[in-house]
Amino acid sequence: MFWRSSFIVLSNICARCFCLKRFTLTKVLLIVILLSVISTIVSISFLNLRFGIARQRSKPPLPLSTCRLNSTISRSLLKRVNHQSKAGRHLGDRVLVMVESQYSKAGTKITHLLEAIRVEYKVEPTGKNLPTLTHLDKGKFSVVIFENYNKYITMDKWNRQLLDKYCSEYNVGIIGFVPSKPDIISDNVPGFRMVFEYGMKLQDYKLNMFSDVWRVTKAGQIYEGRLPGEWTVFHTNHSTYEPLAYSKKQTQKFSVSIEEDVNKPVVPVIYDHGKYDKIKRIIFGSALRFWLHRLILLDSLSILSNGKLSMPLERHIQIDIDDIFVGREGIRMCVDDVEALVTTQETIKQMVSGFSFNLGFSGRYYLHGSYEEDAGDKKLLEYRDKFWWFGHMWRHEQAHKFDEPYITLAMQQNSQFAKENNIPVKQNYAVAPHHSGVYPIHEPLYTAWRNVWDVKVTSTEEYPRLHPAWRRRGFIYKGVMVLPRQTCGLYTHTLFLSDYPGGRKHLDDSIKGGELFQIILFNPISVFMTHMSNYGNDRLALYTFESVLKFIQCWTNLKLLAVPPLQLALKYFEMYPEERDPIWQNPCDHKRHLSIWSTNKTCEKLPNFLVIGPQKTGTTALYTFLGMHPAIESNFNSPDTFEEVQFFNGNNYYHGIDWYMEFFPTPKNTTSTYLFEKSATYFDNEVVPRRAFALLPRAKIICILINPSKRAYSWYQHMRSHEDPTALNYSFYDVITATDIDPRKLRELRNRCLNPGMYAQHLIRWLDYYPSRQLFIVDGEQLKNDPIHVMHTIQRFLHIDPYFDYSQFLRFDPKKGFFCQVVSEDRNKCLGKSKGRTYPPMNKEEQLFLKQYYQRHNVALSKLLDKLNTEVPAWLEEELRGGDE
């Protein structure tokens, strides 16, 4: 608009000049100058509108130089040590983390690191009694970590002796962090023959190259510069102690210290070999704020666990360049950028065996730049055989917005482009723009992938969530292996180093021990997402990756590798088989997930509560009574499992949540309609609580308990009525007393009879995920004898409005022997013929066996109900008193 207004003003001036009687040469020159200025403004404005703000390219930054090795060290000393020993065979693979409080920052950093390297841990406050440390003849924990080592030193005598005895007998090591103490200069540590000096400000840092602690860490490097925060350093002359690192005090005098010689090295990390009390310890003089301590902690876990917690030394790296042809004119790659890409790839190959950049493409945008940028596109295809390639859709589109025919056509167009241009798409790999459709699942995307590209591998940063990054995991869905994807700090808008958020220092900090370095350090397999614009302009991706890989080679003994995506995925799930099964979450609980989920779907079709069983306790009756309530709606019947969907406990789970939600009606009023599902097999299934909580964290849970002996016998009779061969061929006593050497079918029937009745252990599993306020336990005998009262309490538990008076709709039927639905004044609607059967009673031998079998389980149930402030059922009181049924 500016240039247009200026042109109008100039026109008016010219018109006035021509109308004047005196039209001098000076005025002509003035008009020419004004026309030139306006023309320049118009040209610049047009270019800005057409191409975006043009920017002259500066020389791209050079990657980090070679390592700075200690000049006094021989390379033959830089060795990798295997920490595995026989002592580790008698230890679990968990870490006990002792913290000052549940929310302490230092403790949180420790647990986050353990999560990142997939080490299980248990957190305990230091002021309480220790948890159980052993199970049978094995130690439960292979390492004990104190976020504040002083809490270990001052631990009460009983717990200290208990912990020291455990560590000594099972050869378990201790890791401790010693924070500074305000107003205290130094401490003589009782019983340790060592002095702690507090409040030190340090600079420079080098590792003891002669230590056997180093496995991942490569000694010999020197970190130069000031260290963050205040430090504790260690002074000792006992032979059990070995310095692991050396530093020196900052040159300026800041406190009165034990040793005033600032040039004399001090020890910020020390290794106690256990010569004094047979307990090995590694003590840090600062927390994990300093990046090198995270690296040292990995080796500390390895050696103190006798190799139990050793990480593999191989690191597989894959770098994807998404949308290699997508980008507005002015920021795309030119010929020299492509040449630099090829050159850097060869450099990286020297560090990462088998490496190639993995290029994703949308053919629609090929040759859509300036003349120089189109030449860059052509150069990429000239070098096509130097890279790995994978296809996107024809356009840069989000798959969750489209149906299967459209997605398939878009991929077919892109496939045809690849064939016409001889692009070698051979990796069975694809990535969805914006991670759309990968997770949450968009079924048409997976179908089109298989049909068009034969995709077997993809990656996403959205599972289970984007943040925190260290919790990203993989899963397999219908044969497609989904790998966790990492970010490297580069995005579509990070084009120039001078504009990088936080400046160059922020990027370099990530490379030199920071976030990017730690991603590769902690993850045996890393798949990175980058964009085409990161390889043009200042070529920040080339700078970043070449630098971080060199830094890794300087400071670690890691072996860097690259293999094609399919091999990478197979290796990943070989390493982490527990991640094969996905865990479905509610997309509406996470803003990013909701943004890449189809608008045709709704979370309102997920149930508000679950009836989880167990079987043969009255769940069908409860299901019927709930269905009578005008505000409650159940799922539609399944053609295979009738009124039970059985989603969370079987193969149905792998169909995904879209399949699950199809079993529920869309509520007419989401605030007054309550959806529920009843699947009696959920109660005792080990995986169901975790799966249910992931998808339905706010759902209410209802279970029904009857005498477990009665439940076991009822299941046996149920199987006989269904003509199960095993139940027909064996007596009930034969079934419940079967041993582990009996036929498989007999053992399976025994387990289905007995295992669900171990009520306490199954309830505890549910309470590991759901808070007790969301769990309601129904007395099955009371449900049978007084369902009106039970349904009243369930309504209150569910906070259902309006209240439904069941006394008007339930009536005892003397013929059936239980309550039925009132249809008319003289007619009831009862459950089917299979419900309410009468069986011959159990014999005394069977009753006695079951009474003894369930004794400890019933005691545990009684204690649990008391803890939950839940009334103990009459049948349980009778069992515990020792009375007869």
Foldseek 3Di string as FASTA:
>chain_A
DVLVVLVVVLVVLVVVLVPDPDNDPVNVVVSVVSVVVSVVVVVQVVCCVAFNHFDDFDAFDAFDDFFDFDPVDDPVLFDAAQLADPLLVQEAQEEEEEEQDPPDPLSVVVVLLCLLLVGHYDYDYLVDADDDQDDDRGGHHQEYEYAACVSLLPRDPVRNVVVLVVCQVSLFAYEYEHAADPPDQKDDRPPPQKMKGWFFWWFKKFFDSNDNLAHFWGGGGIDGDTDDDIWIFMDHDDPQKDAGMWIFGDPDDDDDHPDPPRPDITGQKMWGNCPRPNHTYIYGGHGCPGLVVSVSVQSVSCNSSSNSSHDDQAAEEAEEAEALLDDGANLFAFQVLVVVQLVLQVVVCVQAPPDFHEYEHQQLRQLVYDPRRNNNSVNCLVCLVRHAYDYEFNDLDAVQADALVVRLVRLQVRVVSCVVSVRDHDQLEDARRLNFCVPVHDPSNVVSSCVRVVRQEYEDCCVVHVPPSSNHAWEGAPRHTYGYADELQADPPPQDQCPRVVHVVVLVCCLQSRVNLVSRVSDSYYYYYHYRSCSGRSVVVSNNVVNSSSNSVNTTPHRHYYDRPVVSRVVRCVVVVVRHHGQHAALVVDPSSVVSHHPVDDPLLDAQAEEAAAPPLCLVVVVVVQCVDPQEDEFQADPVHGQAPCQQADPNVSVHVVVVSVRGDRDPDSVAHGYYGYDNNLQQGLRRLRSCCRHHVNHAYEYEDEQLLVQLVVLLVVCVVVVPVLSVVDDSVCLCPPDPVDDPVSVVSNCVSHVVNLNLVSVVSNCVRHPLLRYDYHHSVCCFVPVQVVVQVVCVSSVHPPDDRCVVFWDQDVVLRGIFGDDDPPDGDHDDPSPSDDDDDDDPVSQVVVLVVCVVSLVSVVVVCVVSVHDDDPNSVCSNVVHDD
